[in-house]
């Protein structure tokens, strides 16, 4: 009886692990041959996602300050969030769980839901989101929030109902060790990719991959070198959206 229970436990454990790490939507691409070697073609680069359950689907992130199109004086601008159904225990993790993106720049992490940022005059769009244990953005409705506001004598962004992008990974000039996995992690804010007929195009130099839903895209076997990662939000017919944040580019290096 004990042997049977042990065997069943091992089968269940193996099945759970296999399901968690199962690859989906995998595409293999061959990089151009290197000018410094005699190889007929470059290495095979793989783009894929892991089929995993979403973490903290009921987590809620609320933004109390700034209000929509609120105007502040240049200098320290207050931010106040409320977090629900999410383990925001800073004493245990010592890791950032709340991130802000201002005007498409790199994300900045915060240990507290109440803080200030020193901002110059201008128009700002903040996208705030919670992350899981891997540092990837939570992507269910309510896990993230966006807001426009102004600092000093500045005009609001022109009204647009179009969805737009927020890029969690990679960060500007991020470096990776050869053989490590590169992750492209994004949010589509203000829309639904399926209902609105949207897709996201990810290009690394001459390599290109498309996805029609929000999920981290993992890239392996990327050769040593410098890359421009360009993430674009497109209509299903391939037409790019008009908004100022429908495309994001970051430079990365694989050493």
C-alpha atoms as a PDB file:
ATOM      1  CA  UNK A   1       0.000   0.000   0.000  1.00  0.00           C
ATOM      2  CA  UNK A   2       2.814   2.396   0.922  1.00  0.00           C
ATOM      3  CA  UNK A   3       4.581   1.599  -2.350  1.00  0.00           C
ATOM      4  CA  UNK A   4       1.430   2.412  -4.301  1.00  0.00           C
ATOM      5  CA  UNK A   5       0.979   5.725  -2.473  1.00  0.00           C
ATOM      6  CA  UNK A   6       4.617   6.613  -3.067  1.00  0.00           C
ATOM      7  CA  UNK A   7       4.316   5.786  -6.763  1.00  0.00           C
ATOM      8  CA  UNK A   8       1.140   7.866  -7.091  1.00  0.00           C
ATOM      9  CA  UNK A   9       2.835  10.787  -5.322  1.00  0.00           C
ATOM     10  CA  UNK A  10       5.794  10.632  -7.692  1.00  0.00           C
ATOM     11  CA  UNK A  11       3.488  10.510 -10.708  1.00  0.00           C
ATOM     12  CA  UNK A  12       1.510  13.516  -9.465  1.00  0.00           C
ATOM     13  CA  UNK A  13       4.708  15.432  -8.719  1.00  0.00           C
ATOM     14  CA  UNK A  14       6.163  14.644 -12.135  1.00  0.00           C
ATOM     15  CA  UNK A  15       2.919  15.635 -13.872  1.00  0.00           C
ATOM     16  CA  UNK A  16       2.737  18.940 -11.963  1.00  0.00           C
ATOM     17  CA  UNK A  17       6.329  19.817 -12.817  1.00  0.00           C
ATOM     18  CA  UNK A  18       5.859  18.844 -16.464  1.00  0.00           C
ATOM     19  CA  UNK A  19       2.700  20.926 -16.776  1.00  0.00           C
ATOM     20  CA  UNK A  20       4.258  23.958 -15.078  1.00  0.00           C
ATOM     21  CA  UNK A  21       7.253  24.045 -17.417  1.00  0.00           C
ATOM     22  CA  UNK A  22       5.520  22.893 -20.594  1.00  0.00           C
ATOM     23  CA  UNK A  23       6.517  25.047 -23.544  1.00  0.00           C
ATOM     24  CA  UNK A  24       3.917  26.511 -25.870  1.00  0.00           C
ATOM     25  CA  UNK A  25       4.029  28.546 -29.100  1.00  0.00           C
ATOM     26  CA  UNK A  26       7.684  27.662 -29.626  1.00  0.00           C
ATOM     27  CA  UNK A  27       9.460  28.934 -32.725  1.00  0.00           C
ATOM     28  CA  UNK A  28      13.045  28.229 -33.742  1.00  0.00           C
ATOM     29  CA  UNK A  29      14.946  30.806 -35.770  1.00  0.00           C
ATOM     30  CA  UNK A  30      18.410  30.616 -37.266  1.00  0.00           C
ATOM     31  CA  UNK A  31      20.598  33.667 -36.765  1.00  0.00           C
ATOM     32  CA  UNK A  32      22.695  34.980 -39.660  1.00  0.00           C
ATOM     33  CA  UNK A  33      26.201  33.432 -39.901  1.00  0.00           C
ATOM     34  CA  UNK A  34      28.993  35.216 -38.062  1.00  0.00           C
ATOM     35  CA  UNK A  35      31.586  37.088 -40.115  1.00  0.00           C
ATOM     36  CA  UNK A  36      34.326  35.910 -37.743  1.00  0.00           C
ATOM     37  CA  UNK A  37      33.721  32.153 -38.148  1.00  0.00           C
ATOM     38  CA  UNK A  38      33.470  29.660 -40.984  1.00  0.00           C
ATOM     39  CA  UNK A  39      30.128  28.274 -39.787  1.00  0.00           C
ATOM     40  CA  UNK A  40      27.554  28.071 -42.623  1.00  0.00           C
ATOM     41  CA  UNK A  41      24.805  29.415 -40.372  1.00  0.00           C
ATOM     42  CA  UNK A  42      24.351  30.896 -36.919  1.00  0.00           C
ATOM     43  CA  UNK A  43      22.908  29.124 -33.867  1.00  0.00           C
ATOM     44  CA  UNK A  44      19.227  28.273 -33.478  1.00  0.00           C
ATOM     45  CA  UNK A  45      17.404  30.740 -31.242  1.00  0.00           C
ATOM     46  CA  UNK A  46      14.148  29.611 -29.623  1.00  0.00           C
ATOM     47  CA  UNK A  47      11.199  31.836 -28.692  1.00  0.00           C
ATOM     48  CA  UNK A  48       8.523  30.301 -26.448  1.00  0.00           C
ATOM     49  CA  UNK A  49       6.253  30.714 -23.412  1.00  0.00           C
ATOM     50  CA  UNK A  50       5.822  28.475 -20.396  1.00  0.00           C
ATOM     51  CA  UNK A  51       2.305  27.196 -19.798  1.00  0.00           C
ATOM     52  CA  UNK A  52       1.760  28.257 -16.192  1.00  0.00           C
ATOM     53  CA  UNK A  53      -1.059  29.299 -13.916  1.00  0.00           C
ATOM     54  CA  UNK A  54      -1.309  33.043 -13.264  1.00  0.00           C
ATOM     55  CA  UNK A  55      -0.016  34.106  -9.852  1.00  0.00           C
ATOM     56  CA  UNK A  56      -2.294  36.085  -7.494  1.00  0.00           C
ATOM     57  CA  UNK A  57      -5.211  36.483  -9.959  1.00  0.00           C
ATOM     58  CA  UNK A  58      -7.290  38.263  -7.294  1.00  0.00           C
ATOM     59  CA  UNK A  59      -4.618  40.823  -6.375  1.00  0.00           C
ATOM     60  CA  UNK A  60      -5.872  44.417  -6.575  1.00  0.00           C
ATOM     61  CA  UNK A  61      -3.744  47.549  -7.024  1.00  0.00           C
ATOM     62  CA  UNK A  62      -5.535  50.867  -6.470  1.00  0.00           C
ATOM     63  CA  UNK A  63      -4.076  54.337  -7.076  1.00  0.00           C
ATOM     64  CA  UNK A  64      -5.309  57.108  -4.764  1.00  0.00           C
ATOM     65  CA  UNK A  65      -2.741  59.788  -5.728  1.00  0.00           C
ATOM     66  CA  UNK A  66      -2.216  61.245  -8.317  1.00  0.00           C
ATOM     67  CA  UNK A  67      -5.762  61.752  -9.492  1.00  0.00           C
ATOM     68  CA  UNK A  68      -6.483  61.868 -13.214  1.00  0.00           C
ATOM     69  CA  UNK A  69      -4.764  64.907 -14.804  1.00  0.00           C
ATOM     70  CA  UNK A  70      -3.922  66.294 -11.367  1.00  0.00           C
ATOM     71  CA  UNK A  71      -1.390  69.135 -11.489  1.00  0.00           C
ATOM     72  CA  UNK A  72       1.647  69.282  -9.183  1.00  0.00           C
ATOM     73  CA  UNK A  73       4.467  71.743  -8.674  1.00  0.00           C
ATOM     74  CA  UNK A  74       7.890  70.617  -9.938  1.00  0.00           C
ATOM     75  CA  UNK A  75       9.735  68.685  -7.260  1.00  0.00           C
ATOM     76  CA  UNK A  76       8.521  65.894  -5.036  1.00  0.00           C
ATOM     77  CA  UNK A  77       5.268  64.382  -6.327  1.00  0.00           C
ATOM     78  CA  UNK A  78       3.334  62.089  -3.946  1.00  0.00           C
ATOM     79  CA  UNK A  79       2.156  58.604  -4.917  1.00  0.00           C
ATOM     80  CA  UNK A  80      -0.257  56.587  -2.801  1.00  0.00           C
ATOM     81  CA  UNK A  81      -1.409  53.053  -3.628  1.00  0.00           C
ATOM     82  CA  UNK A  82      -3.572  50.500  -1.896  1.00  0.00           C
ATOM     83  CA  UNK A  83      -2.759  46.796  -2.284  1.00  0.00           C
ATOM     84  CA  UNK A  84      -5.298  44.018  -1.686  1.00  0.00           C
ATOM     85  CA  UNK A  85      -5.119  40.204  -1.812  1.00  0.00           C
ATOM     86  CA  UNK A  86      -1.365  40.211  -2.274  1.00  0.00           C
ATOM     87  CA  UNK A  87       1.505  39.334   0.130  1.00  0.00           C
ATOM     88  CA  UNK A  88       3.048  42.780   0.381  1.00  0.00           C
ATOM     89  CA  UNK A  89       5.158  41.841   3.436  1.00  0.00           C
ATOM     90  CA  UNK A  90       8.384  43.784   3.069  1.00  0.00           C
ATOM     91  CA  UNK A  91       9.995  42.395   6.200  1.00  0.00           C
ATOM     92  CA  UNK A  92      10.109  38.870   4.767  1.00  0.00           C
ATOM     93  CA  UNK A  93      10.841  39.221   1.062  1.00  0.00           C
ATOM     94  CA  UNK A  94      13.101  42.313   0.934  1.00  0.00           C
ATOM     95  CA  UNK A  95      12.245  42.396  -2.779  1.00  0.00           C
ATOM     96  CA  UNK A  96      10.371  44.991  -4.790  1.00  0.00           C
ATOM     97  CA  UNK A  97       6.781  43.937  -5.407  1.00  0.00           C
ATOM     98  CA  UNK A  98       5.414  47.256  -6.729  1.00  0.00           C
ATOM     99  CA  UNK A  99       6.836  48.871  -9.862  1.00  0.00           C
ATOM    100  CA  UNK A 100       6.155  52.160 -11.672  1.00  0.00           C
ATOM    101  CA  UNK A 101       6.834  53.064 -15.284  1.00  0.00           C
ATOM    102  CA  UNK A 102       6.771  56.763 -16.189  1.00  0.00           C
ATOM    103  CA  UNK A 103       6.362  57.670 -19.878  1.00  0.00           C
ATOM    104  CA  UNK A 104       7.732  54.366 -21.109  1.00  0.00           C
ATOM    105  CA  UNK A 105      11.013  54.559 -19.169  1.00  0.00           C
ATOM    106  CA  UNK A 106      12.523  51.661 -17.245  1.00  0.00           C
ATOM    107  CA  UNK A 107      10.475  50.408 -14.274  1.00  0.00           C
ATOM    108  CA  UNK A 108      11.371  51.644 -10.789  1.00  0.00           C
ATOM    109  CA  UNK A 109      10.620  49.436  -7.785  1.00  0.00           C
ATOM    110  CA  UNK A 110       9.285  50.533  -4.397  1.00  0.00           C
ATOM    111  CA  UNK A 111       9.143  48.850  -1.003  1.00  0.00           C
ATOM    112  CA  UNK A 112       6.199  50.929   0.189  1.00  0.00           C
ATOM    113  CA  UNK A 113       2.833  51.746  -1.433  1.00  0.00           C
ATOM    114  CA  UNK A 114       3.291  55.394  -0.327  1.00  0.00           C
ATOM    115  CA  UNK A 115       6.289  57.348  -1.627  1.00  0.00           C
ATOM    116  CA  UNK A 116       7.421  60.471  -3.504  1.00  0.00           C
ATOM    117  CA  UNK A 117       9.255  60.974  -6.785  1.00  0.00           C
ATOM    118  CA  UNK A 118      11.260  64.050  -7.749  1.00  0.00           C
ATOM    119  CA  UNK A 119       9.833  65.141 -11.125  1.00  0.00           C
ATOM    120  CA  UNK A 120      10.539  68.047 -13.451  1.00  0.00           C
ATOM    121  CA  UNK A 121       7.919  69.957 -15.418  1.00  0.00           C
ATOM    122  CA  UNK A 122       6.124  67.827 -17.975  1.00  0.00           C
ATOM    123  CA  UNK A 123       3.199  65.553 -18.760  1.00  0.00           C
ATOM    124  CA  UNK A 124       3.397  62.086 -17.252  1.00  0.00           C
ATOM    125  CA  UNK A 125       1.714  58.739 -17.642  1.00  0.00           C
ATOM    126  CA  UNK A 126       2.342  56.267 -14.839  1.00  0.00           C
ATOM    127  CA  UNK A 127       1.743  52.536 -15.169  1.00  0.00           C
ATOM    128  CA  UNK A 128       1.986  50.727 -11.843  1.00  0.00           C
ATOM    129  CA  UNK A 129       1.878  46.961 -11.414  1.00  0.00           C
ATOM    130  CA  UNK A 130       2.577  44.108  -9.021  1.00  0.00           C
ATOM    131  CA  UNK A 131       5.052  41.303  -9.755  1.00  0.00           C
ATOM    132  CA  UNK A 132       5.352  37.626  -8.839  1.00  0.00           C
ATOM    133  CA  UNK A 133       8.296  35.801  -7.254  1.00  0.00           C
ATOM    134  CA  UNK A 134      10.147  35.764 -10.590  1.00  0.00           C
ATOM    135  CA  UNK A 135       9.727  39.529 -10.945  1.00  0.00           C
ATOM    136  CA  UNK A 136       7.238  39.171 -13.815  1.00  0.00           C
ATOM    137  CA  UNK A 137       4.255  41.505 -14.067  1.00  0.00           C
ATOM    138  CA  UNK A 138       0.890  40.191 -12.893  1.00  0.00           C
ATOM    139  CA  UNK A 139      -1.441  40.401 -15.860  1.00  0.00           C
ATOM    140  CA  UNK A 140      -5.001  39.885 -14.643  1.00  0.00           C
ATOM    141  CA  UNK A 141      -7.485  42.757 -14.511  1.00  0.00           C
ATOM    142  CA  UNK A 142      -6.883  44.752 -11.337  1.00  0.00           C
ATOM    143  CA  UNK A 143      -3.223  43.718 -10.998  1.00  0.00           C
ATOM    144  CA  UNK A 144      -2.088  46.988 -12.619  1.00  0.00           C
ATOM    145  CA  UNK A 145      -3.299  50.581 -12.974  1.00  0.00           C
ATOM    146  CA  UNK A 146      -2.462  53.638 -15.105  1.00  0.00           C
ATOM    147  CA  UNK A 147      -2.973  57.369 -14.688  1.00  0.00           C
ATOM    148  CA  UNK A 148      -2.039  60.655 -16.436  1.00  0.00           C
ATOM    149  CA  UNK A 149      -0.955  63.736 -14.482  1.00  0.00           C
ATOM    150  CA  UNK A 150       0.962  66.981 -15.028  1.00  0.00           C
ATOM    151  CA  UNK A 151       3.856  68.705 -13.317  1.00  0.00           C
ATOM    152  CA  UNK A 152       4.169  72.488 -13.697  1.00  0.00           C
ATOM    153  CA  UNK A 153       2.966  74.368 -16.787  1.00  0.00           C
ATOM    154  CA  UNK A 154       2.272  71.356 -18.981  1.00  0.00           C
ATOM    155  CA  UNK A 155      -0.586  70.230 -21.203  1.00  0.00           C
ATOM    156  CA  UNK A 156      -2.265  66.849 -20.761  1.00  0.00           C
ATOM    157  CA  UNK A 157      -1.588  64.114 -23.291  1.00  0.00           C
ATOM    158  CA  UNK A 158      -4.082  64.260 -26.190  1.00  0.00           C
ATOM    159  CA  UNK A 159      -7.041  62.005 -25.470  1.00  0.00           C
ATOM    160  CA  UNK A 160      -6.737  58.552 -27.000  1.00  0.00           C
ATOM    161  CA  UNK A 161      -8.792  55.438 -26.415  1.00  0.00           C
ATOM    162  CA  UNK A 162      -6.108  53.233 -27.960  1.00  0.00           C
ATOM    163  CA  UNK A 163      -4.375  50.591 -25.848  1.00  0.00           C
ATOM    164  CA  UNK A 164      -0.629  50.895 -25.316  1.00  0.00           C
ATOM    165  CA  UNK A 165       2.399  49.007 -24.008  1.00  0.00           C
ATOM    166  CA  UNK A 166       4.256  48.930 -20.710  1.00  0.00           C
ATOM    167  CA  UNK A 167       7.521  46.941 -20.778  1.00  0.00           C
ATOM    168  CA  UNK A 168       8.708  45.249 -17.591  1.00  0.00           C
ATOM    169  CA  UNK A 169      11.649  43.340 -19.128  1.00  0.00           C
ATOM    170  CA  UNK A 170      14.182  43.833 -20.513  1.00  0.00           C
ATOM    171  CA  UNK A 171      15.556  46.998 -18.979  1.00  0.00           C
ATOM    172  CA  UNK A 172      17.793  49.493 -20.814  1.00  0.00           C
ATOM    173  CA  UNK A 173      21.331  48.172 -21.336  1.00  0.00           C
ATOM    174  CA  UNK A 174      20.541  44.996 -19.393  1.00  0.00           C
ATOM    175  CA  UNK A 175      23.343  42.438 -19.619  1.00  0.00           C
ATOM    176  CA  UNK A 176      22.902  38.673 -19.892  1.00  0.00           C
ATOM    177  CA  UNK A 177      25.399  35.852 -19.614  1.00  0.00           C
ATOM    178  CA  UNK A 178      25.741  33.711 -22.724  1.00  0.00           C
ATOM    179  CA  UNK A 179      23.424  30.734 -22.432  1.00  0.00           C
ATOM    180  CA  UNK A 180      21.005  32.423 -20.036  1.00  0.00           C
ATOM    181  CA  UNK A 181      17.355  33.030 -20.832  1.00  0.00           C
ATOM    182  CA  UNK A 182      16.213  36.449 -22.043  1.00  0.00           C
ATOM    183  CA  UNK A 183      12.641  37.323 -21.051  1.00  0.00           C
ATOM    184  CA  UNK A 184      10.441  39.913 -22.747  1.00  0.00           C
ATOM    185  CA  UNK A 185       7.664  40.769 -20.275  1.00  0.00           C
ATOM    186  CA  UNK A 186       5.007  43.319 -21.227  1.00  0.00           C
ATOM    187  CA  UNK A 187       1.557  44.641 -20.366  1.00  0.00           C
ATOM    188  CA  UNK A 188      -1.081  45.856 -22.808  1.00  0.00           C
ATOM    189  CA  UNK A 189      -2.861  48.652 -20.952  1.00  0.00           C
ATOM    190  CA  UNK A 190      -6.296  50.050 -21.779  1.00  0.00           C
ATOM    191  CA  UNK A 191      -7.495  47.205 -23.957  1.00  0.00           C
ATOM    192  CA  UNK A 192      -8.009  43.491 -24.439  1.00  0.00           C
ATOM    193  CA  UNK A 193      -5.788  41.801 -26.994  1.00  0.00           C
ATOM    194  CA  UNK A 194      -8.396  39.232 -28.032  1.00  0.00           C
ATOM    195  CA  UNK A 195     -11.446  41.521 -28.067  1.00  0.00           C
ATOM    196  CA  UNK A 196      -9.587  44.408 -29.736  1.00  0.00           C
ATOM    197  CA  UNK A 197      -7.855  42.220 -32.319  1.00  0.00           C
ATOM    198  CA  UNK A 198      -4.316  43.044 -31.231  1.00  0.00           C
ATOM    199  CA  UNK A 199      -0.962  41.319 -31.352  1.00  0.00           C
ATOM    200  CA  UNK A 200       2.513  42.168 -30.115  1.00  0.00           C
ATOM    201  CA  UNK A 201       5.579  41.947 -32.314  1.00  0.00           C
ATOM    202  CA  UNK A 202       8.948  41.351 -30.650  1.00  0.00           C
ATOM    203  CA  UNK A 203      12.109  41.855 -32.683  1.00  0.00           C
ATOM    204  CA  UNK A 204      15.735  41.359 -31.688  1.00  0.00           C
ATOM    205  CA  UNK A 205      17.777  42.771 -34.552  1.00  0.00           C
ATOM    206  CA  UNK A 206      16.749  40.527 -37.478  1.00  0.00           C
ATOM    207  CA  UNK A 207      14.767  38.016 -35.405  1.00  0.00           C
ATOM    208  CA  UNK A 208      11.006  38.531 -35.086  1.00  0.00           C
ATOM    209  CA  UNK A 209       8.289  36.809 -33.072  1.00  0.00           C
ATOM    210  CA  UNK A 210       4.568  37.593 -32.633  1.00  0.00           C
ATOM    211  CA  UNK A 211       2.158  36.808 -29.812  1.00  0.00           C
ATOM    212  CA  UNK A 212      -1.605  37.434 -29.522  1.00  0.00           C
ATOM    213  CA  UNK A 213      -1.943  37.388 -25.713  1.00  0.00           C
ATOM    214  CA  UNK A 214      -0.149  38.745 -22.661  1.00  0.00           C
ATOM    215  CA  UNK A 215       2.503  36.291 -21.515  1.00  0.00           C
ATOM    216  CA  UNK A 216       6.255  36.468 -20.878  1.00  0.00           C
ATOM    217  CA  UNK A 217       8.168  35.533 -24.022  1.00  0.00           C
ATOM    218  CA  UNK A 218      11.322  33.548 -23.281  1.00  0.00           C
ATOM    219  CA  UNK A 219      14.294  33.477 -25.614  1.00  0.00           C
ATOM    220  CA  UNK A 220      17.123  30.963 -25.348  1.00  0.00           C
ATOM    221  CA  UNK A 221      20.397  30.337 -27.174  1.00  0.00           C
ATOM    222  CA  UNK A 222      20.834  33.984 -28.135  1.00  0.00           C
ATOM    223  CA  UNK A 223      24.389  34.450 -29.455  1.00  0.00           C
ATOM    224  CA  UNK A 224      26.854  36.822 -27.817  1.00  0.00           C
ATOM    225  CA  UNK A 225      26.403  40.362 -29.074  1.00  0.00           C
ATOM    226  CA  UNK A 226      24.438  43.614 -28.820  1.00  0.00           C
ATOM    227  CA  UNK A 227      20.725  43.646 -29.585  1.00  0.00           C
ATOM    228  CA  UNK A 228      17.950  46.174 -29.918  1.00  0.00           C
ATOM    229  CA  UNK A 229      14.758  44.703 -28.497  1.00  0.00           C
ATOM    230  CA  UNK A 230      11.749  46.368 -30.093  1.00  0.00           C
ATOM    231  CA  UNK A 231       8.241  45.594 -28.826  1.00  0.00           C
ATOM    232  CA  UNK A 232       5.339  46.882 -30.934  1.00  0.00           C
ATOM    233  CA  UNK A 233       1.591  46.786 -30.393  1.00  0.00           C
ATOM    234  CA  UNK A 234      -0.145  46.044 -33.690  1.00  0.00           C
ATOM    235  CA  UNK A 235      -3.589  45.507 -35.142  1.00  0.00           C
ATOM    236  CA  UNK A 236      -4.261  41.995 -36.393  1.00  0.00           C
ATOM    237  CA  UNK A 237      -3.608  43.272 -39.939  1.00  0.00           C
ATOM    238  CA  UNK A 238      -0.098  44.363 -38.898  1.00  0.00           C
ATOM    239  CA  UNK A 239      -0.827  48.094 -38.659  1.00  0.00           C
ATOM    240  CA  UNK A 240       0.863  49.813 -35.706  1.00  0.00           C
ATOM    241  CA  UNK A 241      -1.265  51.836 -33.316  1.00  0.00           C
ATOM    242  CA  UNK A 242      -0.868  55.629 -33.288  1.00  0.00           C
ATOM    243  CA  UNK A 243      -0.352  56.294 -29.570  1.00  0.00           C
ATOM    244  CA  UNK A 244       2.984  57.532 -28.176  1.00  0.00           C
ATOM    245  CA  UNK A 245       3.509  54.350 -26.128  1.00  0.00           C
ATOM    246  CA  UNK A 246       2.540  51.726 -28.710  1.00  0.00           C
ATOM    247  CA  UNK A 247       6.204  50.872 -29.300  1.00  0.00           C
ATOM    248  CA  UNK A 248       9.096  50.437 -26.860  1.00  0.00           C
ATOM    249  CA  UNK A 249      12.778  49.798 -27.640  1.00  0.00           C
ATOM    250  CA  UNK A 250      15.567  48.699 -25.289  1.00  0.00           C
ATOM    251  CA  UNK A 251      19.216  47.845 -25.953  1.00  0.00           C
ATOM    252  CA  UNK A 252      20.622  44.699 -24.350  1.00  0.00           C
ATOM    253  CA  UNK A 253      23.963  42.890 -24.395  1.00  0.00           C
ATOM    254  CA  UNK A 254      24.712  39.148 -24.280  1.00  0.00           C
ATOM    255  CA  UNK A 255      28.271  38.517 -23.089  1.00  0.00           C
END
